[in-house]
């Protein structure tokens, strides 16, 4: 049972419960943007993206990094289901930066193959590489030494692409004159 005025935060990975904490406030990264949870939050179910989860106990903020997954807010409980979890002391920035460099090199190689829409294997591999890149970047951000930001126009996060033709008259429609 969660103490009154608190939010129960639980992070679960395939290896088991990674974190259980009673916090005053929780902030998490969803695919639609960051969101915060205070006691009494409305029930929510969202897709989680790799990033930083921060939670407050009194005046002290704590942080951890999580990978992609799902987050459920129900009552005064926040449950994150993710494949990846780490806290700052467990991060070796040299190893993470080396792996990030390797992943980014693989992304560059795979981008050319994935440019053909019929190359479904290359497209799936590219998505996996980008997910790994985001996880490694989240670890470095938690460590305090984030990599430079990247722009990937085909990444699935963020708002849908803008339809430049929306609102324009169709060429098939009549000219409007009798």
C-alpha atoms as a PDB file:
ATOM      1  CA  UNK A   1       0.000   0.000   0.000  1.00  0.00           C
ATOM      2  CA  UNK A   2       1.262   3.478  -0.933  1.00  0.00           C
ATOM      3  CA  UNK A   3       1.540   6.121   1.786  1.00  0.00           C
ATOM      4  CA  UNK A   4      -0.973   8.957   1.521  1.00  0.00           C
ATOM      5  CA  UNK A   5       0.351  11.810  -0.625  1.00  0.00           C
ATOM      6  CA  UNK A   6       2.866   9.511  -2.336  1.00  0.00           C
ATOM      7  CA  UNK A   7       3.092   7.785  -5.704  1.00  0.00           C
ATOM      8  CA  UNK A   8       4.319   4.206  -5.793  1.00  0.00           C
ATOM      9  CA  UNK A   9       6.926   3.849  -8.556  1.00  0.00           C
ATOM     10  CA  UNK A  10       7.801   0.380  -9.768  1.00  0.00           C
ATOM     11  CA  UNK A  11      10.125  -0.389 -12.681  1.00  0.00           C
ATOM     12  CA  UNK A  12      10.108  -3.967 -13.931  1.00  0.00           C
ATOM     13  CA  UNK A  13      12.454  -5.539 -16.491  1.00  0.00           C
ATOM     14  CA  UNK A  14      12.601  -9.120 -17.819  1.00  0.00           C
ATOM     15  CA  UNK A  15      15.125  -9.760 -15.014  1.00  0.00           C
ATOM     16  CA  UNK A  16      12.572  -8.758 -12.347  1.00  0.00           C
ATOM     17  CA  UNK A  17      11.808  -5.681 -10.288  1.00  0.00           C
ATOM     18  CA  UNK A  18      14.557  -3.125 -10.839  1.00  0.00           C
ATOM     19  CA  UNK A  19      13.155  -0.352  -8.631  1.00  0.00           C
ATOM     20  CA  UNK A  20      10.381   0.100  -6.091  1.00  0.00           C
ATOM     21  CA  UNK A  21      10.062   3.509  -4.457  1.00  0.00           C
ATOM     22  CA  UNK A  22       7.438   5.748  -2.875  1.00  0.00           C
ATOM     23  CA  UNK A  23       7.875   9.191  -4.418  1.00  0.00           C
ATOM     24  CA  UNK A  24       6.167  12.562  -4.156  1.00  0.00           C
ATOM     25  CA  UNK A  25       6.349  13.019  -7.944  1.00  0.00           C
ATOM     26  CA  UNK A  26       7.424  10.951 -10.970  1.00  0.00           C
ATOM     27  CA  UNK A  27       8.445  12.174 -14.456  1.00  0.00           C
ATOM     28  CA  UNK A  28       8.750   9.701 -17.329  1.00  0.00           C
ATOM     29  CA  UNK A  29       9.539   9.827 -21.082  1.00  0.00           C
ATOM     30  CA  UNK A  30       6.661   8.701 -23.288  1.00  0.00           C
ATOM     31  CA  UNK A  31       6.747   8.583 -27.070  1.00  0.00           C
ATOM     32  CA  UNK A  32       4.450  11.632 -27.058  1.00  0.00           C
ATOM     33  CA  UNK A  33       6.691  13.615 -24.701  1.00  0.00           C
ATOM     34  CA  UNK A  34       7.636  13.825 -21.061  1.00  0.00           C
ATOM     35  CA  UNK A  35       4.857  13.608 -18.504  1.00  0.00           C
ATOM     36  CA  UNK A  36       4.628  13.982 -14.755  1.00  0.00           C
ATOM     37  CA  UNK A  37       2.592  12.090 -12.192  1.00  0.00           C
ATOM     38  CA  UNK A  38       1.447  13.415  -8.826  1.00  0.00           C
ATOM     39  CA  UNK A  39      -0.838  11.649  -6.339  1.00  0.00           C
ATOM     40  CA  UNK A  40      -4.381  11.465  -7.718  1.00  0.00           C
ATOM     41  CA  UNK A  41      -3.271  11.348 -11.381  1.00  0.00           C
ATOM     42  CA  UNK A  42      -5.839  10.096 -13.871  1.00  0.00           C
ATOM     43  CA  UNK A  43      -5.372   6.502 -15.086  1.00  0.00           C
ATOM     44  CA  UNK A  44      -2.997   6.454 -18.039  1.00  0.00           C
ATOM     45  CA  UNK A  45      -1.419   3.890 -20.342  1.00  0.00           C
ATOM     46  CA  UNK A  46       1.405   5.087 -22.601  1.00  0.00           C
ATOM     47  CA  UNK A  47       4.312   3.834 -24.679  1.00  0.00           C
ATOM     48  CA  UNK A  48       7.625   4.533 -23.040  1.00  0.00           C
ATOM     49  CA  UNK A  49      10.665   5.684 -25.000  1.00  0.00           C
ATOM     50  CA  UNK A  50      14.280   5.389 -23.906  1.00  0.00           C
ATOM     51  CA  UNK A  51      15.140   8.246 -21.592  1.00  0.00           C
ATOM     52  CA  UNK A  52      15.419   9.488 -18.047  1.00  0.00           C
ATOM     53  CA  UNK A  53      12.887   8.789 -15.303  1.00  0.00           C
ATOM     54  CA  UNK A  54      13.131  11.252 -12.452  1.00  0.00           C
ATOM     55  CA  UNK A  55      11.365  10.932  -9.130  1.00  0.00           C
ATOM     56  CA  UNK A  56      11.223  13.202  -6.115  1.00  0.00           C
ATOM     57  CA  UNK A  57      11.366  12.336  -2.436  1.00  0.00           C
ATOM     58  CA  UNK A  58      10.814  15.570  -0.519  1.00  0.00           C
ATOM     59  CA  UNK A  59      13.247  18.081  -2.018  1.00  0.00           C
ATOM     60  CA  UNK A  60      15.633  15.423  -3.373  1.00  0.00           C
ATOM     61  CA  UNK A  61      15.394  14.322  -7.014  1.00  0.00           C
ATOM     62  CA  UNK A  62      16.658  10.898  -8.102  1.00  0.00           C
ATOM     63  CA  UNK A  63      17.112   9.691 -11.673  1.00  0.00           C
ATOM     64  CA  UNK A  64      17.519   6.480 -13.615  1.00  0.00           C
ATOM     65  CA  UNK A  65      17.589   5.542 -17.300  1.00  0.00           C
ATOM     66  CA  UNK A  66      15.043   3.244 -18.911  1.00  0.00           C
ATOM     67  CA  UNK A  67      14.653   1.752 -22.364  1.00  0.00           C
ATOM     68  CA  UNK A  68      11.522   1.521 -24.481  1.00  0.00           C
ATOM     69  CA  UNK A  69       8.456  -0.121 -23.003  1.00  0.00           C
ATOM     70  CA  UNK A  70       5.132   0.788 -21.440  1.00  0.00           C
ATOM     71  CA  UNK A  71       3.987   2.841 -18.472  1.00  0.00           C
ATOM     72  CA  UNK A  72       0.729   2.467 -16.593  1.00  0.00           C
ATOM     73  CA  UNK A  73      -0.609   4.953 -14.070  1.00  0.00           C
ATOM     74  CA  UNK A  74      -3.401   3.507 -11.946  1.00  0.00           C
ATOM     75  CA  UNK A  75      -4.491   5.072  -8.680  1.00  0.00           C
ATOM     76  CA  UNK A  76      -1.373   6.294  -6.918  1.00  0.00           C
ATOM     77  CA  UNK A  77       0.870   3.745  -8.644  1.00  0.00           C
ATOM     78  CA  UNK A  78       3.199   4.123 -11.635  1.00  0.00           C
ATOM     79  CA  UNK A  79       4.336   0.877 -13.260  1.00  0.00           C
ATOM     80  CA  UNK A  80       7.018   0.956 -15.956  1.00  0.00           C
ATOM     81  CA  UNK A  81       7.652  -2.191 -17.988  1.00  0.00           C
ATOM     82  CA  UNK A  82      10.918  -1.921 -19.890  1.00  0.00           C
ATOM     83  CA  UNK A  83      13.694  -4.081 -21.289  1.00  0.00           C
ATOM     84  CA  UNK A  84      16.427  -1.748 -20.008  1.00  0.00           C
ATOM     85  CA  UNK A  85      17.154  -0.070 -16.675  1.00  0.00           C
ATOM     86  CA  UNK A  86      20.243   1.436 -15.105  1.00  0.00           C
ATOM     87  CA  UNK A  87      21.315   3.876 -12.437  1.00  0.00           C
ATOM     88  CA  UNK A  88      24.300   6.226 -12.675  1.00  0.00           C
ATOM     89  CA  UNK A  89      26.815   4.157 -10.633  1.00  0.00           C
ATOM     90  CA  UNK A  90      26.409   1.213 -13.023  1.00  0.00           C
ATOM     91  CA  UNK A  91      27.367   3.230 -16.132  1.00  0.00           C
ATOM     92  CA  UNK A  92      30.876   3.026 -17.598  1.00  0.00           C
ATOM     93  CA  UNK A  93      30.907   5.980 -20.020  1.00  0.00           C
ATOM     94  CA  UNK A  94      33.920   4.682 -21.964  1.00  0.00           C
ATOM     95  CA  UNK A  95      32.188   1.391 -22.774  1.00  0.00           C
ATOM     96  CA  UNK A  96      28.876   3.124 -23.571  1.00  0.00           C
ATOM     97  CA  UNK A  97      30.559   5.678 -25.888  1.00  0.00           C
ATOM     98  CA  UNK A  98      32.412   2.907 -27.746  1.00  0.00           C
ATOM     99  CA  UNK A  99      29.208   0.945 -28.267  1.00  0.00           C
ATOM    100  CA  UNK A 100      27.406   4.140 -29.327  1.00  0.00           C
ATOM    101  CA  UNK A 101      30.096   4.766 -31.964  1.00  0.00           C
ATOM    102  CA  UNK A 102      29.736   1.203 -33.247  1.00  0.00           C
ATOM    103  CA  UNK A 103      25.931   1.521 -33.396  1.00  0.00           C
ATOM    104  CA  UNK A 104      26.111   4.859 -35.220  1.00  0.00           C
ATOM    105  CA  UNK A 105      28.518   3.361 -37.780  1.00  0.00           C
ATOM    106  CA  UNK A 106      26.068   0.466 -38.301  1.00  0.00           C
ATOM    107  CA  UNK A 107      23.230   2.979 -38.715  1.00  0.00           C
ATOM    108  CA  UNK A 108      25.121   4.774 -41.487  1.00  0.00           C
ATOM    109  CA  UNK A 109      25.743   1.483 -43.306  1.00  0.00           C
ATOM    110  CA  UNK A 110      22.152   0.323 -42.909  1.00  0.00           C
ATOM    111  CA  UNK A 111      20.561   3.641 -43.965  1.00  0.00           C
ATOM    112  CA  UNK A 112      21.535   3.097 -47.604  1.00  0.00           C
ATOM    113  CA  UNK A 113      20.044  -0.412 -47.626  1.00  0.00           C
ATOM    114  CA  UNK A 114      16.870   0.769 -45.868  1.00  0.00           C
ATOM    115  CA  UNK A 115      16.234   3.565 -48.392  1.00  0.00           C
ATOM    116  CA  UNK A 116      14.390   1.032 -50.565  1.00  0.00           C
ATOM    117  CA  UNK A 117      10.877   0.609 -49.045  1.00  0.00           C
ATOM    118  CA  UNK A 118      10.912  -3.063 -50.063  1.00  0.00           C
ATOM    119  CA  UNK A 119      13.993  -3.751 -47.920  1.00  0.00           C
ATOM    120  CA  UNK A 120      11.964  -4.797 -44.881  1.00  0.00           C
ATOM    121  CA  UNK A 121      14.862  -6.591 -43.172  1.00  0.00           C
ATOM    122  CA  UNK A 122      17.112  -3.531 -43.455  1.00  0.00           C
ATOM    123  CA  UNK A 123      14.298  -1.254 -42.236  1.00  0.00           C
ATOM    124  CA  UNK A 124      13.690  -3.486 -39.210  1.00  0.00           C
ATOM    125  CA  UNK A 125      17.435  -3.613 -38.487  1.00  0.00           C
ATOM    126  CA  UNK A 126      17.628   0.190 -38.753  1.00  0.00           C
ATOM    127  CA  UNK A 127      14.765   0.605 -36.258  1.00  0.00           C
ATOM    128  CA  UNK A 128      16.532  -1.737 -33.832  1.00  0.00           C
ATOM    129  CA  UNK A 129      19.801   0.171 -34.211  1.00  0.00           C
ATOM    130  CA  UNK A 130      18.059   3.497 -33.581  1.00  0.00           C
ATOM    131  CA  UNK A 131      16.381   2.073 -30.473  1.00  0.00           C
ATOM    132  CA  UNK A 132      19.802   0.922 -29.233  1.00  0.00           C
ATOM    133  CA  UNK A 133      21.303   4.349 -30.036  1.00  0.00           C
ATOM    134  CA  UNK A 134      18.559   6.032 -27.991  1.00  0.00           C
ATOM    135  CA  UNK A 135      19.183   3.701 -25.036  1.00  0.00           C
ATOM    136  CA  UNK A 136      22.930   4.381 -25.092  1.00  0.00           C
ATOM    137  CA  UNK A 137      22.296   8.144 -25.352  1.00  0.00           C
ATOM    138  CA  UNK A 138      19.941   7.953 -22.344  1.00  0.00           C
ATOM    139  CA  UNK A 139      22.694   6.282 -20.301  1.00  0.00           C
ATOM    140  CA  UNK A 140      25.173   9.004 -21.213  1.00  0.00           C
ATOM    141  CA  UNK A 141      22.613  11.692 -20.379  1.00  0.00           C
ATOM    142  CA  UNK A 142      22.076  10.094 -16.963  1.00  0.00           C
ATOM    143  CA  UNK A 143      25.840   9.980 -16.461  1.00  0.00           C
ATOM    144  CA  UNK A 144      26.015  13.714 -17.200  1.00  0.00           C
ATOM    145  CA  UNK A 145      27.864  13.563 -20.520  1.00  0.00           C
ATOM    146  CA  UNK A 146      25.172  13.334 -23.222  1.00  0.00           C
ATOM    147  CA  UNK A 147      26.116  12.850 -26.868  1.00  0.00           C
ATOM    148  CA  UNK A 148      25.226  15.548 -29.407  1.00  0.00           C
ATOM    149  CA  UNK A 149      21.574  15.315 -30.481  1.00  0.00           C
ATOM    150  CA  UNK A 150      20.741  13.528 -33.723  1.00  0.00           C
ATOM    151  CA  UNK A 151      17.898  14.105 -36.166  1.00  0.00           C
ATOM    152  CA  UNK A 152      16.481  11.042 -37.817  1.00  0.00           C
ATOM    153  CA  UNK A 153      13.592  11.939 -40.145  1.00  0.00           C
ATOM    154  CA  UNK A 154      12.307   8.350 -40.180  1.00  0.00           C
ATOM    155  CA  UNK A 155      12.286   7.888 -36.415  1.00  0.00           C
ATOM    156  CA  UNK A 156       8.858   6.909 -35.136  1.00  0.00           C
ATOM    157  CA  UNK A 157       8.703   9.324 -32.190  1.00  0.00           C
ATOM    158  CA  UNK A 158       7.234  12.780 -32.365  1.00  0.00           C
ATOM    159  CA  UNK A 159       4.251  14.200 -34.173  1.00  0.00           C
ATOM    160  CA  UNK A 160       3.110  12.754 -37.493  1.00  0.00           C
ATOM    161  CA  UNK A 161       4.563  14.359 -40.616  1.00  0.00           C
ATOM    162  CA  UNK A 162       2.827  17.486 -41.858  1.00  0.00           C
ATOM    163  CA  UNK A 163       0.694  16.970 -44.942  1.00  0.00           C
ATOM    164  CA  UNK A 164       1.761  19.863 -47.172  1.00  0.00           C
ATOM    165  CA  UNK A 165      -1.229  19.340 -49.476  1.00  0.00           C
ATOM    166  CA  UNK A 166      -3.880  19.568 -46.745  1.00  0.00           C
ATOM    167  CA  UNK A 167      -6.366  22.322 -47.421  1.00  0.00           C
ATOM    168  CA  UNK A 168      -5.300  22.859 -51.019  1.00  0.00           C
ATOM    169  CA  UNK A 169      -7.930  22.460 -53.731  1.00  0.00           C
ATOM    170  CA  UNK A 170      -7.706  19.199 -55.615  1.00  0.00           C
ATOM    171  CA  UNK A 171      -6.619  19.375 -59.255  1.00  0.00           C
ATOM    172  CA  UNK A 172      -9.439  16.951 -60.075  1.00  0.00           C
ATOM    173  CA  UNK A 173     -12.072  19.349 -58.751  1.00  0.00           C
ATOM    174  CA  UNK A 174     -13.713  21.733 -61.146  1.00  0.00           C
ATOM    175  CA  UNK A 175     -12.328  25.193 -61.627  1.00  0.00           C
ATOM    176  CA  UNK A 176     -15.236  26.660 -59.704  1.00  0.00           C
ATOM    177  CA  UNK A 177     -16.511  28.640 -62.682  1.00  0.00           C
ATOM    178  CA  UNK A 178     -19.587  27.553 -64.670  1.00  0.00           C
END
